[in-house]
Amino acid sequence: MCLGIPGQITEITNREHKLAMVNIGGVKRQINIACIVDEQHPPEKCIGDWVLVHVGFAMNRINEQEAAETLQLLQEIAQSYT
């Protein structure tokens, strides 16, 4: 089983290498967006998109509500361990 964490793309850092900055719960990190870009959705159109991030790659786009629900569930899981 793998875990994708929701994050929002805030900027494109390297268009040629398909790299972007993503905000995951207030933490910003660089990710690869090669799996979610194509001719109809080039890198510059990804800014603001919510994506599932797994091992530094945006695996697919999700809507904002799905992202919020997933983040809430992850917070509840984390709180159950404290």
N, C-alpha and C. Protein backbone atom coordinates (compact mmCIF):
# COMPACT_ATOMS: atom_id res chain seq x y z
N MET A 1 0.84 -1.18 0.00
CA MET A 1 0.00 0.00 0.00
C MET A 1 0.88 1.24 0.00
N CYS A 2 0.48 2.23 -0.77
CA CYS A 2 1.22 3.49 -0.77
C CYS A 2 0.30 4.60 -0.28
N LEU A 3 0.91 5.67 0.17
CA LEU A 3 0.15 6.78 0.72
C LEU A 3 0.43 8.04 -0.07
N GLY A 4 -0.60 8.64 -0.60
CA GLY A 4 -0.48 9.92 -1.29
C GLY A 4 -0.97 11.01 -0.35
N ILE A 5 -0.16 12.05 -0.20
CA ILE A 5 -0.50 13.16 0.68
C ILE A 5 -0.96 14.33 -0.19
N PRO A 6 -2.11 14.93 0.12
CA PRO A 6 -2.59 16.07 -0.66
C PRO A 6 -1.71 17.30 -0.47
N GLY A 7 -1.46 17.99 -1.56
CA GLY A 7 -0.74 19.26 -1.52
C GLY A 7 -1.19 20.14 -2.66
N GLN A 8 -0.96 21.44 -2.50
CA GLN A 8 -1.36 22.39 -3.54
C GLN A 8 -0.12 22.97 -4.21
N ILE A 9 -0.10 22.92 -5.53
CA ILE A 9 1.03 23.45 -6.29
C ILE A 9 0.99 24.97 -6.22
N THR A 10 2.11 25.57 -5.80
CA THR A 10 2.16 27.02 -5.63
C THR A 10 3.00 27.72 -6.69
N GLU A 11 3.94 27.00 -7.30
CA GLU A 11 4.75 27.61 -8.36
C GLU A 11 5.46 26.53 -9.16
N ILE A 12 5.82 26.88 -10.37
CA ILE A 12 6.64 26.00 -11.22
C ILE A 12 8.07 26.46 -11.03
N THR A 13 8.94 25.55 -10.60
CA THR A 13 10.33 25.93 -10.32
C THR A 13 11.26 25.61 -11.48
N ASN A 14 10.91 24.62 -12.30
CA ASN A 14 11.72 24.29 -13.47
C ASN A 14 10.82 23.62 -14.50
N ARG A 15 10.41 24.41 -15.50
CA ARG A 15 9.47 23.91 -16.52
C ARG A 15 10.09 22.77 -17.32
N GLU A 16 11.35 22.90 -17.69
CA GLU A 16 12.03 21.89 -18.52
C GLU A 16 12.08 20.52 -17.83
N HIS A 17 12.36 20.52 -16.53
CA HIS A 17 12.45 19.27 -15.77
C HIS A 17 11.15 18.90 -15.07
N LYS A 18 10.11 19.70 -15.32
CA LYS A 18 8.78 19.47 -14.75
C LYS A 18 8.80 19.40 -13.22
N LEU A 19 9.39 20.44 -12.63
CA LEU A 19 9.47 20.54 -11.18
C LEU A 19 8.60 21.69 -10.69
N ALA A 20 7.97 21.49 -9.55
CA ALA A 20 7.09 22.51 -8.99
C ALA A 20 7.23 22.52 -7.47
N MET A 21 6.82 23.64 -6.88
CA MET A 21 6.77 23.76 -5.43
C MET A 21 5.35 23.44 -5.00
N VAL A 22 5.23 22.62 -3.95
CA VAL A 22 3.92 22.24 -3.44
C VAL A 22 3.86 22.58 -1.96
N ASN A 23 2.68 22.99 -1.51
CA ASN A 23 2.44 23.28 -0.10
C ASN A 23 1.64 22.12 0.47
N ILE A 24 2.26 21.43 1.43
CA ILE A 24 1.60 20.30 2.09
C ILE A 24 1.46 20.64 3.57
N GLY A 25 0.28 21.07 3.95
CA GLY A 25 0.04 21.41 5.35
C GLY A 25 0.96 22.49 5.89
N GLY A 26 1.30 23.47 5.06
CA GLY A 26 2.18 24.56 5.48
C GLY A 26 3.65 24.31 5.22
N VAL A 27 4.00 23.10 4.80
CA VAL A 27 5.39 22.77 4.47
C VAL A 27 5.54 22.79 2.96
N LYS A 28 6.52 23.56 2.49
CA LYS A 28 6.74 23.64 1.04
C LYS A 28 7.91 22.76 0.66
N ARG A 29 7.72 22.04 -0.46
CA ARG A 29 8.80 21.21 -0.97
C ARG A 29 8.68 21.09 -2.47
N GLN A 30 9.78 20.77 -3.11
CA GLN A 30 9.79 20.62 -4.55
C GLN A 30 9.37 19.20 -4.92
N ILE A 31 8.54 19.10 -5.96
CA ILE A 31 8.09 17.79 -6.44
C ILE A 31 8.20 17.74 -7.96
N ASN A 32 8.10 16.55 -8.49
CA ASN A 32 8.09 16.33 -9.92
C ASN A 32 6.63 16.22 -10.36
N ILE A 33 6.27 16.95 -11.43
CA ILE A 33 4.88 16.95 -11.90
C ILE A 33 4.73 16.26 -13.26
N ALA A 34 5.75 15.49 -13.67
CA ALA A 34 5.73 14.85 -14.99
C ALA A 34 4.51 13.96 -15.20
N CYS A 35 4.01 13.34 -14.15
CA CYS A 35 2.87 12.42 -14.28
C CYS A 35 1.54 13.13 -14.51
N ILE A 36 1.48 14.44 -14.27
CA ILE A 36 0.18 15.12 -14.38
C ILE A 36 0.14 16.18 -15.48
N VAL A 37 1.22 16.34 -16.24
CA VAL A 37 1.22 17.34 -17.31
C VAL A 37 1.11 16.66 -18.67
N ASP A 38 0.49 17.37 -19.59
CA ASP A 38 0.40 16.94 -20.98
C ASP A 38 0.13 18.17 -21.82
N GLU A 39 -0.15 17.99 -23.10
CA GLU A 39 -0.38 19.14 -23.98
C GLU A 39 -1.60 19.96 -23.57
N GLN A 40 -2.63 19.31 -23.05
CA GLN A 40 -3.84 20.03 -22.63
C GLN A 40 -3.68 20.69 -21.26
N HIS A 41 -2.75 20.22 -20.46
CA HIS A 41 -2.53 20.77 -19.11
C HIS A 41 -1.02 20.92 -18.88
N PRO A 42 -0.41 21.96 -19.51
CA PRO A 42 1.03 22.18 -19.36
C PRO A 42 1.38 22.66 -17.94
N PRO A 43 2.67 22.66 -17.60
CA PRO A 43 3.08 23.02 -16.23
C PRO A 43 2.49 24.31 -15.70
N GLU A 44 2.46 25.36 -16.51
CA GLU A 44 1.97 26.65 -16.00
C GLU A 44 0.50 26.61 -15.60
N LYS A 45 -0.27 25.67 -16.13
CA LYS A 45 -1.68 25.54 -15.73
C LYS A 45 -1.85 24.74 -14.44
N CYS A 46 -0.75 24.21 -13.90
CA CYS A 46 -0.82 23.39 -12.68
C CYS A 46 -0.85 24.23 -11.41
N ILE A 47 -0.47 25.50 -11.50
CA ILE A 47 -0.45 26.34 -10.30
C ILE A 47 -1.86 26.44 -9.73
N GLY A 48 -1.97 26.12 -8.45
CA GLY A 48 -3.26 26.12 -7.77
C GLY A 48 -3.90 24.74 -7.72
N ASP A 49 -3.42 23.81 -8.53
CA ASP A 49 -3.99 22.45 -8.53
C ASP A 49 -3.68 21.73 -7.22
N TRP A 50 -4.64 20.94 -6.78
CA TRP A 50 -4.43 20.02 -5.65
C TRP A 50 -4.03 18.69 -6.24
N VAL A 51 -2.99 18.09 -5.67
CA VAL A 51 -2.47 16.82 -6.18
C VAL A 51 -2.18 15.87 -5.02
N LEU A 52 -2.12 14.58 -5.33
CA LEU A 52 -1.66 13.60 -4.37
C LEU A 52 -0.18 13.39 -4.62
N VAL A 53 0.63 13.60 -3.58
CA VAL A 53 2.09 13.50 -3.68
C VAL A 53 2.54 12.20 -3.02
N HIS A 54 3.35 11.46 -3.77
CA HIS A 54 3.92 10.21 -3.26
C HIS A 54 5.39 10.18 -3.66
N VAL A 55 6.26 10.04 -2.68
CA VAL A 55 7.73 10.01 -2.85
C VAL A 55 8.25 11.07 -3.82
N GLY A 56 7.74 12.29 -3.66
CA GLY A 56 8.24 13.42 -4.44
C GLY A 56 7.63 13.59 -5.82
N PHE A 57 6.60 12.84 -6.13
CA PHE A 57 5.93 12.95 -7.42
C PHE A 57 4.45 13.26 -7.22
N ALA A 58 3.92 14.16 -8.05
CA ALA A 58 2.48 14.40 -8.08
C ALA A 58 1.90 13.26 -8.92
N MET A 59 1.12 12.39 -8.28
CA MET A 59 0.61 11.21 -8.97
C MET A 59 -0.68 11.49 -9.75
N ASN A 60 -1.54 12.35 -9.22
CA ASN A 60 -2.75 12.74 -9.93
C ASN A 60 -3.37 13.96 -9.26
N ARG A 61 -4.24 14.61 -10.01
CA ARG A 61 -4.96 15.78 -9.48
C ARG A 61 -6.18 15.31 -8.69
N ILE A 62 -6.52 16.09 -7.67
CA ILE A 62 -7.74 15.86 -6.91
C ILE A 62 -8.42 17.20 -6.71
N ASN A 63 -9.69 17.18 -6.33
CA ASN A 63 -10.36 18.45 -6.10
C ASN A 63 -10.10 18.92 -4.66
N GLU A 64 -10.39 20.18 -4.41
CA GLU A 64 -10.08 20.79 -3.11
C GLU A 64 -10.82 20.11 -1.97
N GLN A 65 -12.06 19.71 -2.19
CA GLN A 65 -12.83 19.05 -1.13
C GLN A 65 -12.21 17.70 -0.77
N GLU A 66 -11.82 16.94 -1.77
CA GLU A 66 -11.17 15.65 -1.52
C GLU A 66 -9.85 15.84 -0.76
N ALA A 67 -9.12 16.89 -1.12
CA ALA A 67 -7.86 17.19 -0.42
C ALA A 67 -8.13 17.51 1.04
N ALA A 68 -9.13 18.35 1.30
CA ALA A 68 -9.45 18.75 2.67
C ALA A 68 -9.89 17.55 3.51
N GLU A 69 -10.72 16.69 2.93
CA GLU A 69 -11.17 15.49 3.65
C GLU A 69 -10.01 14.56 3.99
N THR A 70 -9.11 14.38 3.03
CA THR A 70 -7.95 13.51 3.25
C THR A 70 -7.02 14.09 4.31
N LEU A 71 -6.77 15.41 4.25
CA LEU A 71 -5.92 16.03 5.26
C LEU A 71 -6.53 15.93 6.65
N GLN A 72 -7.85 16.07 6.74
CA GLN A 72 -8.54 15.93 8.02
C GLN A 72 -8.38 14.51 8.58
N LEU A 73 -8.55 13.53 7.73
CA LEU A 73 -8.38 12.14 8.16
C LEU A 73 -6.95 11.87 8.63
N LEU A 74 -5.97 12.41 7.92
CA LEU A 74 -4.58 12.22 8.32
C LEU A 74 -4.31 12.88 9.67
N GLN A 75 -4.92 14.05 9.91
CA GLN A 75 -4.76 14.71 11.21
C GLN A 75 -5.38 13.88 12.33
N GLU A 76 -6.55 13.31 12.07
CA GLU A 76 -7.20 12.47 13.08
C GLU A 76 -6.36 11.23 13.38
N ILE A 77 -5.76 10.63 12.38
CA ILE A 77 -4.90 9.47 12.59
C ILE A 77 -3.69 9.87 13.43
N ALA A 78 -3.08 11.00 13.10
CA ALA A 78 -1.90 11.47 13.83
C ALA A 78 -2.26 11.75 15.29
N GLN A 79 -3.42 12.34 15.54
CA GLN A 79 -3.84 12.65 16.91
C GLN A 79 -4.09 11.38 17.73
N SER A 80 -4.49 10.33 17.07
CA SER A 80 -4.77 9.09 17.81
C SER A 80 -3.48 8.45 18.33
N TYR A 81 -2.33 8.86 17.82
CA TYR A 81 -1.05 8.33 18.27
C TYR A 81 -0.38 9.19 19.33
N THR A 82 -1.02 10.31 19.70
CA THR A 82 -0.42 11.19 20.72
C THR A 82 -1.06 10.99 22.07
